[in-house]
Amino acid sequence: MLNAQGQLDGLTDQIEAGIKRARLRAETVTDPVSIDVVVQVWPKRVIEERGHVGHTPTATMMYLTFDPEKPNLARNLGEPLERMVAHELHHVLRNAGPGYGTSLGEALVSEGLTGQFVQQLFQSGPEPWERAITREELAPHLERVERDWDRQNYGHDDWFFGAGEQPFWFGYTLGYRLVEAY
């Protein structure tokens, strides 16, 4: 818990409880894993709608980032936090097994599997990033998806965060739908 400035004071118990509940729920369908979970504050580096975000760089580490200034954070410390932790835990499991992937197609499948894992674990609907684009909005981009499917230098930020030609959260939505259809 990185909290030297006390920015998470009053939130640490809720965050720790959410991590524990997500871990216990996930362990009903997976083997337990031993990982480091880094909880940090990083203003303006979170999902606006949630006030938090996760990132999993390895099979042994998960970052959970919070912005206590976001008005949406307080109402997203329950199940939305647990779903985010489960999302990142799935990435941990994939990183320990087949990996996240290096091509566009592999990244789409990884994110789609992660979304479906959370949906099945919590009996919840798709997250905002998994339903950000309508089928009609996806259609004009599908030829490029097919063309770039095996590309390893596909530009992750473009496909998943709208940093280029693709709409914001395009990759998350498409990945979720691909795995759902499968």
Protein backbone atom coordinates (compact mmCIF):
# COMPACT_ATOMS: atom_id res chain seq x y z
CA MET A 1 0.00 0.00 0.00
CA LEU A 2 1.81 3.12 -1.24
CA ASN A 3 0.30 5.83 0.93
CA ALA A 4 3.14 8.00 2.24
CA GLN A 5 1.10 11.19 1.76
CA GLY A 6 -2.05 9.72 3.33
CA GLN A 7 -4.10 10.11 0.15
CA LEU A 8 -5.69 6.69 0.68
CA ASP A 9 -6.49 7.25 4.35
CA GLY A 10 -10.06 6.19 4.93
CA LEU A 11 -10.01 3.96 1.84
CA THR A 12 -7.40 1.33 2.67
CA ASP A 13 -9.76 -0.98 4.57
CA GLN A 14 -12.27 -0.97 1.69
CA ILE A 15 -9.53 -1.55 -0.88
CA GLU A 16 -7.99 -4.42 1.09
CA ALA A 17 -11.42 -5.99 1.64
CA GLY A 18 -12.23 -5.72 -2.08
CA ILE A 19 -8.94 -7.38 -3.02
CA LYS A 20 -9.61 -10.19 -0.55
CA ARG A 21 -13.19 -10.76 -1.74
CA ALA A 22 -12.06 -10.87 -5.38
CA ARG A 23 -9.26 -13.30 -4.54
CA LEU A 24 -11.60 -15.61 -2.64
CA ARG A 25 -14.18 -15.53 -5.43
CA ALA A 26 -11.55 -16.26 -8.08
CA GLU A 27 -10.17 -19.13 -6.02
CA THR A 28 -13.50 -20.91 -6.36
CA VAL A 29 -12.53 -21.55 -10.00
CA THR A 30 -8.72 -21.16 -10.06
CA ASP A 31 -5.78 -22.30 -8.03
CA PRO A 32 -4.46 -19.73 -5.55
CA VAL A 33 -1.51 -17.66 -6.77
CA SER A 34 1.08 -15.72 -4.83
CA ILE A 35 1.56 -12.22 -6.27
CA ASP A 36 2.53 -8.73 -5.22
CA VAL A 37 -0.31 -6.22 -5.36
CA VAL A 38 0.86 -2.62 -5.47
CA VAL A 39 -1.82 -0.11 -4.43
CA GLN A 40 -0.98 3.44 -5.42
CA VAL A 41 -2.39 6.91 -6.03
CA TRP A 42 -1.81 8.42 -9.45
CA PRO A 43 -4.10 11.37 -10.19
CA LYS A 44 -5.70 11.45 -13.63
CA ARG A 45 -4.34 7.98 -14.53
CA VAL A 46 -7.55 6.06 -13.81
CA ILE A 47 -10.75 5.17 -15.62
CA GLU A 48 -12.81 8.32 -15.17
CA GLU A 49 -16.05 6.41 -14.60
CA ARG A 50 -14.48 4.30 -11.85
CA GLY A 51 -11.80 6.36 -10.11
CA HIS A 52 -9.46 3.37 -10.31
CA VAL A 53 -7.64 1.21 -12.84
CA GLY A 54 -5.53 -1.92 -12.86
CA HIS A 55 -2.42 -3.01 -14.71
CA THR A 56 -0.65 -6.37 -14.71
CA PRO A 57 2.86 -6.28 -16.18
CA THR A 58 3.95 -9.78 -15.08
CA ALA A 59 2.74 -13.10 -13.72
CA THR A 60 3.71 -12.00 -10.21
CA MET A 61 2.65 -8.36 -9.97
CA MET A 62 -0.55 -6.35 -10.17
CA TYR A 63 -0.86 -2.56 -9.90
CA LEU A 64 -4.09 -1.04 -8.61
CA THR A 65 -4.19 2.72 -9.12
CA PHE A 66 -6.63 5.08 -7.44
CA ASP A 67 -7.45 8.77 -7.70
CA PRO A 68 -9.16 9.83 -4.46
CA GLU A 69 -10.19 13.12 -6.11
CA LYS A 70 -12.52 11.38 -8.53
CA PRO A 71 -16.13 11.67 -7.35
CA ASN A 72 -16.93 8.21 -8.78
CA LEU A 73 -14.36 6.40 -6.64
CA ALA A 74 -16.42 6.01 -3.45
CA ARG A 75 -19.30 4.20 -5.19
CA ASN A 76 -16.88 1.95 -7.10
CA LEU A 77 -15.03 0.46 -4.13
CA GLY A 78 -17.44 -2.48 -3.82
CA GLU A 79 -18.11 -4.95 -6.60
CA PRO A 80 -16.69 -2.73 -9.38
CA LEU A 81 -13.33 -2.82 -7.57
CA GLU A 82 -13.61 -6.58 -7.08
CA ARG A 83 -14.34 -7.05 -10.79
CA MET A 84 -11.31 -4.94 -11.67
CA VAL A 85 -9.11 -7.04 -9.36
CA ALA A 86 -10.52 -10.22 -10.94
CA HIS A 87 -9.81 -8.76 -14.39
CA GLU A 88 -6.18 -8.18 -13.43
CA LEU A 89 -5.96 -11.58 -11.75
CA HIS A 90 -6.96 -13.20 -15.04
CA HIS A 91 -4.07 -11.36 -16.69
CA VAL A 92 -1.77 -12.73 -13.96
CA LEU A 93 -2.96 -16.25 -14.75
CA ARG A 94 -2.50 -15.80 -18.51
CA ASN A 95 0.94 -14.27 -17.98
CA ALA A 96 1.89 -17.37 -15.96
CA GLY A 97 0.56 -19.65 -18.70
CA PRO A 98 0.26 -18.92 -22.39
CA GLY A 99 0.99 -15.20 -21.96
CA TYR A 100 -0.95 -12.13 -22.95
CA GLY A 101 0.17 -12.38 -26.54
CA THR A 102 2.22 -10.24 -28.86
CA SER A 103 -0.05 -9.81 -31.89
CA LEU A 104 -3.26 -7.83 -32.25
CA GLY A 105 -5.31 -11.02 -32.47
CA GLU A 106 -3.72 -12.47 -29.34
CA ALA A 107 -4.34 -9.22 -27.42
CA LEU A 108 -7.98 -9.14 -28.54
CA VAL A 109 -8.48 -12.74 -27.43
CA SER A 110 -6.69 -12.13 -24.10
CA GLU A 111 -8.86 -9.13 -23.27
CA GLY A 112 -11.99 -10.95 -24.43
CA LEU A 113 -11.21 -13.96 -22.27
CA THR A 114 -10.55 -11.67 -19.32
CA GLY A 115 -13.88 -9.92 -19.75
CA GLN A 116 -15.73 -13.21 -20.02
CA PHE A 117 -13.92 -14.54 -16.93
CA VAL A 118 -15.15 -11.57 -14.89
CA GLN A 119 -18.66 -11.81 -16.33
CA GLN A 120 -18.90 -15.48 -15.42
CA LEU A 121 -17.32 -15.04 -12.00
CA PHE A 122 -19.67 -12.20 -10.99
CA GLN A 123 -22.69 -13.00 -13.17
CA SER A 124 -22.39 -9.41 -14.40
CA GLY A 125 -22.80 -7.72 -17.73
CA PRO A 126 -20.00 -6.28 -19.81
CA GLU A 127 -17.96 -3.42 -18.36
CA PRO A 128 -18.18 0.04 -20.03
CA TRP A 129 -15.01 -0.66 -22.07
CA GLU A 130 -16.49 -3.96 -23.26
CA ARG A 131 -19.60 -2.29 -24.67
CA ALA A 132 -18.15 1.06 -25.77
CA ILE A 133 -18.69 0.48 -29.49
CA THR A 134 -21.89 -0.63 -31.23
CA ARG A 135 -21.84 -3.40 -33.83
CA GLU A 136 -22.48 -0.76 -36.47
CA GLU A 137 -19.47 1.26 -35.26
CA LEU A 138 -17.28 -1.86 -35.24
CA ALA A 139 -18.11 -2.84 -38.82
CA PRO A 140 -16.00 -0.26 -40.72
CA HIS A 141 -12.88 -1.34 -38.79
CA LEU A 142 -13.17 -5.11 -39.25
CA GLU A 143 -11.21 -5.21 -42.52
CA ARG A 144 -8.26 -3.58 -40.73
CA VAL A 145 -8.64 -6.05 -37.83
CA GLU A 146 -8.40 -8.95 -40.27
CA ARG A 147 -5.41 -7.39 -42.05
CA ASP A 148 -3.55 -6.63 -38.78
CA TRP A 149 -4.59 -9.76 -36.84
CA ASP A 150 -1.08 -11.29 -36.82
CA ARG A 151 0.87 -8.01 -36.57
CA GLN A 152 3.09 -7.76 -33.53
CA ASN A 153 3.72 -4.04 -33.83
CA TYR A 154 0.00 -3.32 -34.00
CA GLY A 155 -0.03 -0.27 -31.70
CA HIS A 156 -1.77 -1.34 -28.51
CA ASP A 157 -2.71 2.20 -27.47
CA ASP A 158 -4.39 2.76 -30.84
CA TRP A 159 -6.48 -0.39 -30.71
CA PHE A 160 -7.40 -0.29 -27.02
CA PHE A 161 -7.20 3.39 -25.97
CA GLY A 162 -8.10 5.29 -29.14
CA ALA A 163 -4.65 6.84 -29.55
CA GLY A 164 -4.85 6.59 -33.36
CA GLU A 165 -7.49 5.58 -35.88
CA GLN A 166 -9.56 3.29 -33.66
CA PRO A 167 -12.31 4.50 -31.33
CA PHE A 168 -11.58 4.58 -27.58
CA TRP A 169 -11.84 1.08 -26.03
CA PHE A 170 -12.35 -0.50 -29.48
CA GLY A 171 -10.10 -3.50 -28.72
CA TYR A 172 -11.78 -4.27 -25.40
CA THR A 173 -15.23 -4.22 -26.99
CA LEU A 174 -14.21 -6.29 -30.01
CA GLY A 175 -12.28 -8.81 -27.89
CA TYR A 176 -15.21 -9.25 -25.53
CA ARG A 177 -17.61 -9.82 -28.43
CA LEU A 178 -15.28 -12.24 -30.23
CA VAL A 179 -14.91 -14.47 -27.19
CA GLU A 180 -18.60 -14.14 -26.34
CA ALA A 181 -19.50 -15.28 -29.86
CA TYR A 182 -17.08 -18.18 -29.66
